Amino acid sequence: MTTRLGSSSGEVALRALRRIAPSLSRGFAKKVKGGKASQSAGGLKGVQPDLQPWLPLILKPQKQAKPTFTKEELQDAERRAKEYSRQKSYQNLAWRRDMETKFRLRNEAFAALPEVLQHPANEPDLEPFPLTRRIPTDYPPAAWPL
């Protein structure tokens, strides 16, 4: 059984269920009284101790109670949502204006070139970056090949 980085809690719970699936029928039929098995697995025979925190999620998922809000809380949430939407709209407008200005300046610079240079300036540069190009970083590399 392999573990991947970034696996969700649902996947972890499924893996845990697969590990204890053979022992579910006898492990949860009744609690074992006394002995080492009851101390190591919290009273459940055949269940590994590292799976104990996952058992409530696997066996009986808890139902979430629907939250109730007062009228004032709902009005405050609506006001905040409208303000957030308004601010995002202003940010988007500023970004669009900035991009429009950059496109306009680029087109003006292209038009200012002599006609001989306009055609080569309009072709995309598909040349790969040089392999020895230094990239600015926050920290220096551990060993830089010279």
C-alpha atoms as a PDB file:
ATOM      1  CA  MET A   1       0.000   0.000   0.000  1.00  0.00           C
ATOM      2  CA  THR A   2       1.580   3.273  -1.078  1.00  0.00           C
ATOM      3  CA  THR A   3       0.887   6.732   0.297  1.00  0.00           C
ATOM      4  CA  ARG A   4       0.778   9.718  -2.002  1.00  0.00           C
ATOM      5  CA  LEU A   5       1.553  13.266  -0.982  1.00  0.00           C
ATOM      6  CA  GLY A   6      -1.490  15.500  -0.829  1.00  0.00           C
ATOM      7  CA  SER A   7      -4.002  12.682  -0.378  1.00  0.00           C
ATOM      8  CA  SER A   8      -7.310  13.812   1.050  1.00  0.00           C
ATOM      9  CA  SER A   9      -8.720  12.688   4.370  1.00  0.00           C
ATOM     10  CA  GLY A  10     -11.356  10.675   2.498  1.00  0.00           C
ATOM     11  CA  GLU A  11      -8.670   8.632   0.776  1.00  0.00           C
ATOM     12  CA  VAL A  12      -6.908   8.100   4.106  1.00  0.00           C
ATOM     13  CA  ALA A  13     -10.170   6.920   5.644  1.00  0.00           C
ATOM     14  CA  LEU A  14     -10.752   4.506   2.750  1.00  0.00           C
ATOM     15  CA  ARG A  15      -7.260   3.059   3.120  1.00  0.00           C
ATOM     16  CA  ALA A  16      -7.849   2.678   6.843  1.00  0.00           C
ATOM     17  CA  LEU A  17     -11.166   0.934   6.165  1.00  0.00           C
ATOM     18  CA  ARG A  18      -9.466  -1.483   3.786  1.00  0.00           C
ATOM     19  CA  ARG A  19      -6.875  -2.299   6.443  1.00  0.00           C
ATOM     20  CA  ILE A  20      -9.488  -3.153   9.062  1.00  0.00           C
ATOM     21  CA  ALA A  21     -12.198  -4.527   6.742  1.00  0.00           C
ATOM     22  CA  PRO A  22     -11.421  -8.219   7.449  1.00  0.00           C
ATOM     23  CA  SER A  23     -11.775  -7.640  11.188  1.00  0.00           C
ATOM     24  CA  LEU A  24     -14.932  -5.485  11.113  1.00  0.00           C
ATOM     25  CA  SER A  25     -17.385  -8.339  11.606  1.00  0.00           C
ATOM     26  CA  ARG A  26     -15.675  -9.730  14.682  1.00  0.00           C
ATOM     27  CA  GLY A  27     -13.941  -6.560  15.902  1.00  0.00           C
ATOM     28  CA  PHE A  28     -17.095  -4.554  16.424  1.00  0.00           C
ATOM     29  CA  ALA A  29     -19.524  -7.299  17.364  1.00  0.00           C
ATOM     30  CA  LYS A  30     -18.654  -6.891  21.030  1.00  0.00           C
ATOM     31  CA  LYS A  31     -16.018  -5.375  23.230  1.00  0.00           C
ATOM     32  CA  VAL A  32     -13.327  -7.585  24.664  1.00  0.00           C
ATOM     33  CA  LYS A  33     -13.061  -7.492  28.436  1.00  0.00           C
ATOM     34  CA  GLY A  34      -9.552  -7.169  29.829  1.00  0.00           C
ATOM     35  CA  GLY A  35      -6.368  -8.452  28.231  1.00  0.00           C
ATOM     36  CA  LYS A  36      -3.748  -6.759  26.106  1.00  0.00           C
ATOM     37  CA  ALA A  37      -5.984  -6.421  23.059  1.00  0.00           C
ATOM     38  CA  SER A  38      -8.437  -4.189  24.905  1.00  0.00           C
ATOM     39  CA  GLN A  39      -5.668  -1.889  26.140  1.00  0.00           C
ATOM     40  CA  SER A  40      -3.848  -1.583  22.807  1.00  0.00           C
ATOM     41  CA  ALA A  41      -6.885  -1.029  20.600  1.00  0.00           C
ATOM     42  CA  GLY A  42      -9.208   0.736  23.026  1.00  0.00           C
ATOM     43  CA  GLY A  43     -11.312  -2.368  23.681  1.00  0.00           C
ATOM     44  CA  LEU A  44     -11.766  -3.423  20.057  1.00  0.00           C
ATOM     45  CA  LYS A  45     -10.166  -6.711  19.096  1.00  0.00           C
ATOM     46  CA  GLY A  46      -8.334  -6.781  15.774  1.00  0.00           C
ATOM     47  CA  VAL A  47      -8.225  -2.998  15.279  1.00  0.00           C
ATOM     48  CA  GLN A  48      -4.811  -1.442  15.018  1.00  0.00           C
ATOM     49  CA  PRO A  49      -4.131   1.417  17.470  1.00  0.00           C
ATOM     50  CA  ASP A  50      -3.086   3.867  14.750  1.00  0.00           C
ATOM     51  CA  LEU A  51      -6.561   3.542  13.207  1.00  0.00           C
ATOM     52  CA  GLN A  52      -8.420   4.570  16.365  1.00  0.00           C
ATOM     53  CA  PRO A  53      -8.704   8.285  15.440  1.00  0.00           C
ATOM     54  CA  TRP A  54     -10.313   7.353  12.091  1.00  0.00           C
ATOM     55  CA  LEU A  55     -12.964   4.994  13.444  1.00  0.00           C
ATOM     56  CA  PRO A  56     -15.602   7.683  14.145  1.00  0.00           C
ATOM     57  CA  LEU A  57     -15.237   8.931  10.578  1.00  0.00           C
ATOM     58  CA  ILE A  58     -15.416   5.439   9.100  1.00  0.00           C
ATOM     59  CA  LEU A  59     -18.202   3.929  11.138  1.00  0.00           C
ATOM     60  CA  LYS A  60     -20.596   6.733  12.122  1.00  0.00           C
ATOM     61  CA  PRO A  61     -20.155  10.062  10.368  1.00  0.00           C
ATOM     62  CA  GLN A  62     -21.507  12.862  12.506  1.00  0.00           C
ATOM     63  CA  LYS A  63     -24.390  14.889  11.144  1.00  0.00           C
ATOM     64  CA  GLN A  64     -23.682  18.591  11.022  1.00  0.00           C
ATOM     65  CA  ALA A  65     -26.369  20.727  12.606  1.00  0.00           C
ATOM     66  CA  LYS A  66     -27.598  23.449  10.269  1.00  0.00           C
ATOM     67  CA  PRO A  67     -26.396  26.781  11.633  1.00  0.00           C
ATOM     68  CA  THR A  68     -29.022  29.367  12.459  1.00  0.00           C
ATOM     69  CA  PHE A  69     -28.273  33.037  12.020  1.00  0.00           C
ATOM     70  CA  THR A  70     -30.065  36.062  13.381  1.00  0.00           C
ATOM     71  CA  LYS A  71     -31.538  38.696  11.095  1.00  0.00           C
ATOM     72  CA  GLU A  72     -28.733  41.134  11.974  1.00  0.00           C
ATOM     73  CA  GLU A  73     -26.043  38.543  11.138  1.00  0.00           C
ATOM     74  CA  LEU A  74     -27.648  37.865   7.752  1.00  0.00           C
ATOM     75  CA  GLN A  75     -27.835  41.586   6.961  1.00  0.00           C
ATOM     76  CA  ASP A  76     -24.202  42.044   7.982  1.00  0.00           C
ATOM     77  CA  ALA A  77     -23.142  39.094   5.798  1.00  0.00           C
ATOM     78  CA  GLU A  78     -25.081  40.514   2.847  1.00  0.00           C
ATOM     79  CA  ARG A  79     -23.472  43.939   3.329  1.00  0.00           C
ATOM     80  CA  ARG A  80     -19.994  42.383   3.476  1.00  0.00           C
ATOM     81  CA  ALA A  81     -20.668  40.289   0.359  1.00  0.00           C
ATOM     82  CA  LYS A  82     -21.777  43.362  -1.598  1.00  0.00           C
ATOM     83  CA  GLU A  83     -18.715  45.328  -0.455  1.00  0.00           C
ATOM     84  CA  TYR A  84     -16.432  42.435  -1.409  1.00  0.00           C
ATOM     85  CA  SER A  85     -18.066  42.203  -4.833  1.00  0.00           C
ATOM     86  CA  ARG A  86     -17.710  45.973  -5.315  1.00  0.00           C
ATOM     87  CA  GLN A  87     -13.999  45.889  -4.390  1.00  0.00           C
ATOM     88  CA  LYS A  88     -13.348  42.952  -6.733  1.00  0.00           C
ATOM     89  CA  SER A  89     -15.108  44.838  -9.517  1.00  0.00           C
ATOM     90  CA  TYR A  90     -12.860  47.876  -8.921  1.00  0.00           C
ATOM     91  CA  GLN A  91      -9.755  45.653  -8.941  1.00  0.00           C
ATOM     92  CA  ASN A  92     -10.829  44.043 -12.210  1.00  0.00           C
ATOM     93  CA  LEU A  93     -11.491  47.457 -13.775  1.00  0.00           C
ATOM     94  CA  ALA A  94      -8.042  48.694 -12.698  1.00  0.00           C
ATOM     95  CA  TRP A  95      -6.397  45.558 -14.141  1.00  0.00           C
ATOM     96  CA  ARG A  96      -8.258  45.966 -17.455  1.00  0.00           C
ATOM     97  CA  ARG A  97      -7.249  49.629 -17.679  1.00  0.00           C
ATOM     98  CA  ASP A  98      -3.620  48.701 -16.987  1.00  0.00           C
ATOM     99  CA  MET A  99      -3.619  46.015 -19.691  1.00  0.00           C
ATOM    100  CA  GLU A 100      -5.324  48.352 -22.164  1.00  0.00           C
ATOM    101  CA  THR A 101      -2.643  50.986 -21.527  1.00  0.00           C
ATOM    102  CA  LYS A 102       0.130  48.438 -22.047  1.00  0.00           C
ATOM    103  CA  PHE A 103      -1.414  47.211 -25.311  1.00  0.00           C
ATOM    104  CA  ARG A 104      -1.824  50.789 -26.550  1.00  0.00           C
ATOM    105  CA  LEU A 105       1.807  51.650 -25.718  1.00  0.00           C
ATOM    106  CA  ARG A 106       3.023  48.452 -27.402  1.00  0.00           C
ATOM    107  CA  ASN A 107       1.080  49.273 -30.567  1.00  0.00           C
ATOM    108  CA  GLU A 108       2.384  52.856 -30.565  1.00  0.00           C
ATOM    109  CA  ALA A 109       5.978  51.595 -30.192  1.00  0.00           C
ATOM    110  CA  PHE A 110       5.416  49.147 -33.056  1.00  0.00           C
ATOM    111  CA  ALA A 111       4.014  51.923 -35.262  1.00  0.00           C
ATOM    112  CA  ALA A 112       7.010  54.154 -34.433  1.00  0.00           C
ATOM    113  CA  LEU A 113       9.453  51.581 -35.898  1.00  0.00           C
ATOM    114  CA  PRO A 114      10.628  52.017 -39.487  1.00  0.00           C
ATOM    115  CA  GLU A 115       8.757  49.827 -41.951  1.00  0.00           C
ATOM    116  CA  VAL A 116      11.868  47.709 -42.525  1.00  0.00           C
ATOM    117  CA  LEU A 117      11.875  46.625 -38.857  1.00  0.00           C
ATOM    118  CA  GLN A 118       8.113  46.233 -38.389  1.00  0.00           C
ATOM    119  CA  HIS A 119       7.902  42.800 -40.058  1.00  0.00           C
ATOM    120  CA  PRO A 120      10.732  41.189 -37.994  1.00  0.00           C
ATOM    121  CA  ALA A 121       9.346  42.794 -34.818  1.00  0.00           C
ATOM    122  CA  ASN A 122       5.951  41.188 -35.450  1.00  0.00           C
ATOM    123  CA  GLU A 123       7.302  37.619 -35.645  1.00  0.00           C
ATOM    124  CA  PRO A 124       7.367  35.612 -32.387  1.00  0.00           C
ATOM    125  CA  ASP A 125      10.746  34.747 -30.883  1.00  0.00           C
ATOM    126  CA  LEU A 126      10.783  30.946 -30.598  1.00  0.00           C
ATOM    127  CA  GLU A 127      14.458  30.724 -29.654  1.00  0.00           C
ATOM    128  CA  PRO A 128      14.937  28.625 -26.467  1.00  0.00           C
ATOM    129  CA  PHE A 129      16.479  30.277 -23.448  1.00  0.00           C
ATOM    130  CA  PRO A 130      20.229  29.724 -23.066  1.00  0.00           C
ATOM    131  CA  LEU A 131      21.069  26.899 -20.677  1.00  0.00           C
ATOM    132  CA  THR A 132      23.592  29.037 -18.811  1.00  0.00           C
ATOM    133  CA  ARG A 133      21.114  31.850 -18.176  1.00  0.00           C
ATOM    134  CA  ARG A 134      21.096  32.936 -14.554  1.00  0.00           C
ATOM    135  CA  ILE A 135      17.678  33.248 -12.980  1.00  0.00           C
ATOM    136  CA  PRO A 136      17.216  35.716 -10.105  1.00  0.00           C
ATOM    137  CA  THR A 137      16.191  33.928  -6.905  1.00  0.00           C
ATOM    138  CA  ASP A 138      15.593  34.908  -3.292  1.00  0.00           C
ATOM    139  CA  TYR A 139      18.447  32.692  -2.138  1.00  0.00           C
ATOM    140  CA  PRO A 140      21.665  31.751  -3.922  1.00  0.00           C
ATOM    141  CA  PRO A 141      21.799  28.210  -5.313  1.00  0.00           C
ATOM    142  CA  ALA A 142      23.635  25.582  -3.298  1.00  0.00           C
ATOM    143  CA  ALA A 143      26.279  24.945  -5.978  1.00  0.00           C
ATOM    144  CA  TRP A 144      26.369  27.012  -9.140  1.00  0.00           C
ATOM    145  CA  PRO A 145      28.143  25.396 -12.126  1.00  0.00           C
ATOM    146  CA  LEU A 146      30.636  27.789 -13.677  1.00  0.00           C
END
